[in-house]
């Protein structure tokens, strides 16, 4: 990954457009890497939250397993097909 090292003059620049092209390029690359990492972490958090909600809902319904069938799953116009989401209790809680 590109390392952004600014001169003192660049650090006090009033506008990003005052930076030279190389510094702007490094800044953009660094920010893209940061955004990509944050997006990956957010995706994992969302998936875990969804799984947790399903498990807690099943527990509240006194179920030991649940199955959700989703037909015709699409996202942004892409067809992902038919799916089944299954959660099964593997250990008794308190």
N, C-alpha and C. Protein backbone atom coordinates (compact mmCIF):
# COMPACT_ATOMS: atom_id res chain seq x y z
N UNK A 1 0.85 -1.17 0.00
CA UNK A 1 0.00 0.00 0.00
C UNK A 1 0.90 1.23 0.00
N UNK A 2 0.42 2.27 -0.64
CA UNK A 2 1.17 3.52 -0.70
C UNK A 2 1.21 4.17 0.68
N UNK A 3 2.35 4.74 1.01
CA UNK A 3 2.48 5.44 2.28
C UNK A 3 2.41 6.93 2.02
N UNK A 4 1.51 7.58 2.74
CA UNK A 4 1.33 9.02 2.57
C UNK A 4 2.27 9.76 3.51
N UNK A 5 3.24 10.46 2.94
CA UNK A 5 4.17 11.27 3.72
C UNK A 5 4.07 12.69 3.18
N UNK A 6 3.57 13.59 4.00
CA UNK A 6 3.37 14.97 3.57
C UNK A 6 4.50 15.85 4.08
N UNK A 7 4.86 16.83 3.27
CA UNK A 7 5.80 17.85 3.73
C UNK A 7 5.06 18.79 4.66
N UNK A 8 5.80 19.62 5.39
CA UNK A 8 5.16 20.59 6.28
C UNK A 8 4.24 21.52 5.47
N UNK A 9 4.68 21.88 4.29
CA UNK A 9 3.87 22.75 3.43
C UNK A 9 2.57 22.07 3.03
N UNK A 10 2.65 20.80 2.71
CA UNK A 10 1.44 20.06 2.31
C UNK A 10 0.49 19.88 3.51
N UNK A 11 1.05 19.70 4.69
CA UNK A 11 0.21 19.51 5.88
C UNK A 11 -0.64 20.74 6.18
N UNK A 12 -0.15 21.92 5.87
CA UNK A 12 -0.90 23.15 6.17
C UNK A 12 -1.66 23.67 4.96
N UNK A 13 -1.66 22.92 3.86
CA UNK A 13 -2.36 23.36 2.65
C UNK A 13 -3.84 23.54 2.96
N UNK A 14 -4.41 24.65 2.51
CA UNK A 14 -5.80 24.97 2.79
C UNK A 14 -6.75 24.07 1.99
N UNK A 15 -6.33 23.65 0.82
CA UNK A 15 -7.18 22.84 -0.05
C UNK A 15 -6.45 21.58 -0.47
N UNK A 16 -7.19 20.48 -0.62
CA UNK A 16 -6.59 19.25 -1.13
C UNK A 16 -6.03 19.48 -2.52
N UNK A 17 -6.66 20.36 -3.27
CA UNK A 17 -6.18 20.62 -4.63
C UNK A 17 -4.82 21.31 -4.63
N UNK A 18 -4.38 21.82 -3.48
CA UNK A 18 -3.05 22.41 -3.38
C UNK A 18 -1.95 21.35 -3.33
N UNK A 19 -2.33 20.10 -3.07
CA UNK A 19 -1.34 19.02 -3.01
C UNK A 19 -0.94 18.63 -4.43
N UNK A 20 0.28 18.08 -4.56
CA UNK A 20 0.68 17.63 -5.89
C UNK A 20 -0.01 16.30 -6.20
N UNK A 21 0.02 15.91 -7.47
CA UNK A 21 -0.69 14.72 -7.92
C UNK A 21 -0.24 13.46 -7.20
N UNK A 22 1.04 13.33 -6.95
CA UNK A 22 1.55 12.14 -6.28
C UNK A 22 0.98 12.02 -4.86
N UNK A 23 0.94 13.13 -4.13
CA UNK A 23 0.41 13.11 -2.76
C UNK A 23 -1.09 12.81 -2.77
N UNK A 24 -1.81 13.39 -3.72
CA UNK A 24 -3.25 13.11 -3.82
C UNK A 24 -3.48 11.65 -4.16
N UNK A 25 -2.68 11.11 -5.07
CA UNK A 25 -2.81 9.69 -5.42
C UNK A 25 -2.58 8.78 -4.23
N UNK A 26 -1.55 9.07 -3.44
CA UNK A 26 -1.27 8.27 -2.25
C UNK A 26 -2.40 8.39 -1.23
N UNK A 27 -2.94 9.59 -1.08
CA UNK A 27 -4.03 9.81 -0.14
C UNK A 27 -5.27 9.01 -0.56
N UNK A 28 -5.58 9.05 -1.85
CA UNK A 28 -6.74 8.31 -2.37
C UNK A 28 -6.55 6.81 -2.15
N UNK A 29 -5.36 6.27 -2.47
CA UNK A 29 -5.09 4.85 -2.27
C UNK A 29 -5.23 4.46 -0.80
N UNK A 30 -4.70 5.29 0.08
CA UNK A 30 -4.78 5.01 1.51
C UNK A 30 -6.24 4.99 1.98
N UNK A 31 -7.02 5.96 1.52
CA UNK A 31 -8.43 6.02 1.92
C UNK A 31 -9.24 4.88 1.33
N UNK A 32 -8.95 4.46 0.12
CA UNK A 32 -9.65 3.32 -0.47
C UNK A 32 -9.38 2.06 0.36
N UNK A 33 -8.14 1.87 0.77
CA UNK A 33 -7.80 0.71 1.61
C UNK A 33 -8.55 0.76 2.93
N UNK A 34 -8.63 1.93 3.53
CA UNK A 34 -9.34 2.10 4.80
C UNK A 34 -10.83 1.81 4.62
N UNK A 35 -11.42 2.34 3.57
CA UNK A 35 -12.85 2.14 3.31
C UNK A 35 -13.12 0.67 3.04
N UNK A 36 -12.27 0.00 2.26
CA UNK A 36 -12.47 -1.41 1.95
C UNK A 36 -12.42 -2.26 3.21
N UNK A 37 -11.47 -1.99 4.08
CA UNK A 37 -11.36 -2.73 5.34
C UNK A 37 -12.60 -2.51 6.21
N UNK A 38 -13.04 -1.27 6.30
CA UNK A 38 -14.23 -0.96 7.11
C UNK A 38 -15.46 -1.64 6.54
N UNK A 39 -15.59 -1.68 5.22
CA UNK A 39 -16.75 -2.32 4.59
C UNK A 39 -16.77 -3.82 4.87
N UNK A 40 -15.59 -4.46 4.80
CA UNK A 40 -15.51 -5.89 5.10
C UNK A 40 -15.91 -6.16 6.54
N UNK A 41 -15.46 -5.33 7.47
CA UNK A 41 -15.80 -5.50 8.87
C UNK A 41 -17.29 -5.27 9.09
N UNK A 42 -17.86 -4.28 8.42
CA UNK A 42 -19.29 -4.00 8.56
C UNK A 42 -20.12 -5.18 8.04
N UNK A 43 -19.70 -5.79 6.92
CA UNK A 43 -20.41 -6.95 6.38
C UNK A 43 -20.44 -8.08 7.40
N UNK A 44 -19.30 -8.34 8.04
CA UNK A 44 -19.25 -9.41 9.04
C UNK A 44 -20.16 -9.10 10.22
N UNK A 45 -20.19 -7.85 10.64
CA UNK A 45 -21.04 -7.44 11.76
C UNK A 45 -22.51 -7.63 11.42
N UNK A 46 -22.90 -7.24 10.22
CA UNK A 46 -24.30 -7.37 9.80
C UNK A 46 -24.71 -8.84 9.76
N UNK A 47 -23.86 -9.70 9.22
CA UNK A 47 -24.18 -11.13 9.14
C UNK A 47 -24.31 -11.72 10.54
N UNK A 48 -23.39 -11.38 11.43
CA UNK A 48 -23.48 -11.89 12.80
C UNK A 48 -24.72 -11.39 13.50
N UNK A 49 -25.09 -10.13 13.28
CA UNK A 49 -26.29 -9.57 13.91
C UNK A 49 -27.53 -10.28 13.40
N UNK A 50 -27.58 -10.56 12.10
CA UNK A 50 -28.73 -11.28 11.54
C UNK A 50 -28.83 -12.68 12.15
N UNK A 51 -27.72 -13.37 12.25
CA UNK A 51 -27.72 -14.71 12.84
C UNK A 51 -28.16 -14.67 14.30
N UNK A 52 -27.66 -13.68 15.04
CA UNK A 52 -28.03 -13.54 16.44
C UNK A 52 -29.54 -13.30 16.59
N UNK A 53 -30.09 -12.45 15.75
CA UNK A 53 -31.53 -12.18 15.79
C UNK A 53 -32.34 -13.45 15.52
N UNK A 54 -31.92 -14.24 14.55
CA UNK A 54 -32.62 -15.49 14.23
C UNK A 54 -32.57 -16.44 15.41
N UNK A 55 -31.37 -16.59 16.02
CA UNK A 55 -31.23 -17.52 17.15
C UNK A 55 -32.06 -17.07 18.35
N UNK A 56 -32.03 -15.79 18.66
CA UNK A 56 -32.81 -15.29 19.80
C UNK A 56 -34.31 -15.41 19.54
N UNK A 57 -34.73 -15.16 18.30
CA UNK A 57 -36.15 -15.31 17.95
C UNK A 57 -36.57 -16.76 18.12
N UNK A 58 -35.74 -17.71 17.64
CA UNK A 58 -36.07 -19.13 17.77
C UNK A 58 -36.18 -19.51 19.25
N UNK A 59 -35.25 -19.03 20.07
CA UNK A 59 -35.30 -19.32 21.51
C UNK A 59 -36.60 -18.80 22.13
N UNK A 60 -36.98 -17.58 21.78
CA UNK A 60 -38.22 -17.00 22.32
C UNK A 60 -39.44 -17.80 21.89
N UNK A 61 -39.35 -18.48 20.75
CA UNK A 61 -40.46 -19.31 20.27
C UNK A 61 -40.35 -20.75 20.77
N UNK A 62 -39.39 -21.00 21.67
CA UNK A 62 -39.14 -22.34 22.21
C UNK A 62 -38.84 -23.36 21.12
N UNK A 63 -38.18 -22.91 20.07
CA UNK A 63 -37.81 -23.80 18.97
C UNK A 63 -36.35 -24.22 19.13
N UNK A 64 -36.05 -25.43 18.69
CA UNK A 64 -34.66 -25.88 18.70
C UNK A 64 -34.03 -25.76 17.31
N UNK A 65 -34.86 -25.53 16.31
CA UNK A 65 -34.33 -25.24 14.98
C UNK A 65 -35.39 -24.47 14.19
N UNK A 66 -34.91 -23.68 13.27
CA UNK A 66 -35.79 -22.91 12.40
C UNK A 66 -35.22 -22.95 10.99
N UNK A 67 -36.10 -22.82 10.04
CA UNK A 67 -35.68 -22.81 8.64
C UNK A 67 -36.50 -21.76 7.91
N UNK A 68 -35.81 -20.86 7.25
CA UNK A 68 -36.45 -19.84 6.44
C UNK A 68 -36.13 -20.14 4.99
N UNK A 69 -37.16 -20.22 4.15
CA UNK A 69 -36.93 -20.44 2.73
C UNK A 69 -37.19 -19.13 2.00
N UNK A 70 -36.21 -18.75 1.21
CA UNK A 70 -36.28 -17.49 0.46
C UNK A 70 -36.22 -17.83 -1.03
N UNK A 71 -37.29 -17.56 -1.73
CA UNK A 71 -37.33 -17.84 -3.16
C UNK A 71 -37.06 -16.60 -3.98
N UNK A 72 -36.32 -16.76 -5.04
CA UNK A 72 -36.07 -15.67 -5.97
C UNK A 72 -35.28 -14.52 -5.37
N UNK A 73 -34.20 -14.84 -4.66
CA UNK A 73 -33.38 -13.80 -4.03
C UNK A 73 -32.66 -13.00 -5.12
N UNK A 74 -32.81 -11.68 -5.04
CA UNK A 74 -32.12 -10.79 -5.98
C UNK A 74 -31.50 -9.64 -5.19
N UNK A 75 -30.47 -9.07 -5.76
CA UNK A 75 -29.87 -7.87 -5.19
C UNK A 75 -29.30 -7.06 -6.35
N UNK A 76 -29.68 -5.79 -6.40
CA UNK A 76 -29.20 -4.89 -7.44
C UNK A 76 -29.40 -5.49 -8.83
N UNK A 77 -30.53 -6.15 -9.02
CA UNK A 77 -30.85 -6.71 -10.33
C UNK A 77 -30.18 -8.04 -10.64
N UNK A 78 -29.39 -8.57 -9.70
CA UNK A 78 -28.73 -9.86 -9.92
C UNK A 78 -29.56 -10.97 -9.28
N UNK A 79 -29.74 -12.06 -9.99
CA UNK A 79 -30.51 -13.20 -9.51
C UNK A 79 -29.59 -14.14 -8.75
N UNK A 80 -29.86 -14.33 -7.45
CA UNK A 80 -29.04 -15.22 -6.63
C UNK A 80 -29.70 -16.58 -6.40
N UNK A 81 -30.90 -16.79 -6.91
CA UNK A 81 -31.56 -18.09 -6.80
C UNK A 81 -32.39 -18.22 -5.53
N UNK A 82 -32.70 -19.48 -5.21
CA UNK A 82 -33.51 -19.80 -4.04
C UNK A 82 -32.60 -20.28 -2.91
N UNK A 83 -32.95 -19.91 -1.68
CA UNK A 83 -32.10 -20.22 -0.53
C UNK A 83 -32.93 -20.73 0.65
N UNK A 84 -32.27 -21.47 1.52
CA UNK A 84 -32.84 -21.84 2.81
C UNK A 84 -31.82 -21.43 3.88
N UNK A 85 -32.28 -20.71 4.88
CA UNK A 85 -31.44 -20.30 6.00
C UNK A 85 -31.88 -21.14 7.20
N UNK A 86 -30.94 -21.86 7.81
CA UNK A 86 -31.27 -22.80 8.87
C UNK A 86 -30.45 -22.45 10.12
N UNK A 87 -31.11 -22.46 11.26
CA UNK A 87 -30.42 -22.29 12.55
C UNK A 87 -30.84 -23.44 13.44
N UNK A 88 -29.86 -24.10 14.05
CA UNK A 88 -30.12 -25.26 14.91
C UNK A 88 -29.41 -25.07 16.25
N UNK A 89 -30.16 -25.25 17.33
CA UNK A 89 -29.60 -25.12 18.67
C UNK A 89 -28.69 -26.32 18.91
N UNK A 90 -27.45 -26.06 19.37
CA UNK A 90 -26.49 -27.14 19.56
C UNK A 90 -26.15 -27.38 21.04
N UNK A 91 -26.54 -26.47 21.90
CA UNK A 91 -26.25 -26.60 23.34
C UNK A 91 -27.34 -25.92 24.14
N UNK A 92 -27.74 -26.53 25.24
CA UNK A 92 -28.75 -25.93 26.10
C UNK A 92 -28.14 -24.76 26.86
N UNK A 93 -28.86 -23.66 26.92
CA UNK A 93 -28.43 -22.52 27.72
C UNK A 93 -29.01 -22.60 29.12
N UNK A 94 -28.75 -21.59 29.89
CA UNK A 94 -29.25 -21.57 31.26
C UNK A 94 -30.70 -21.13 31.30
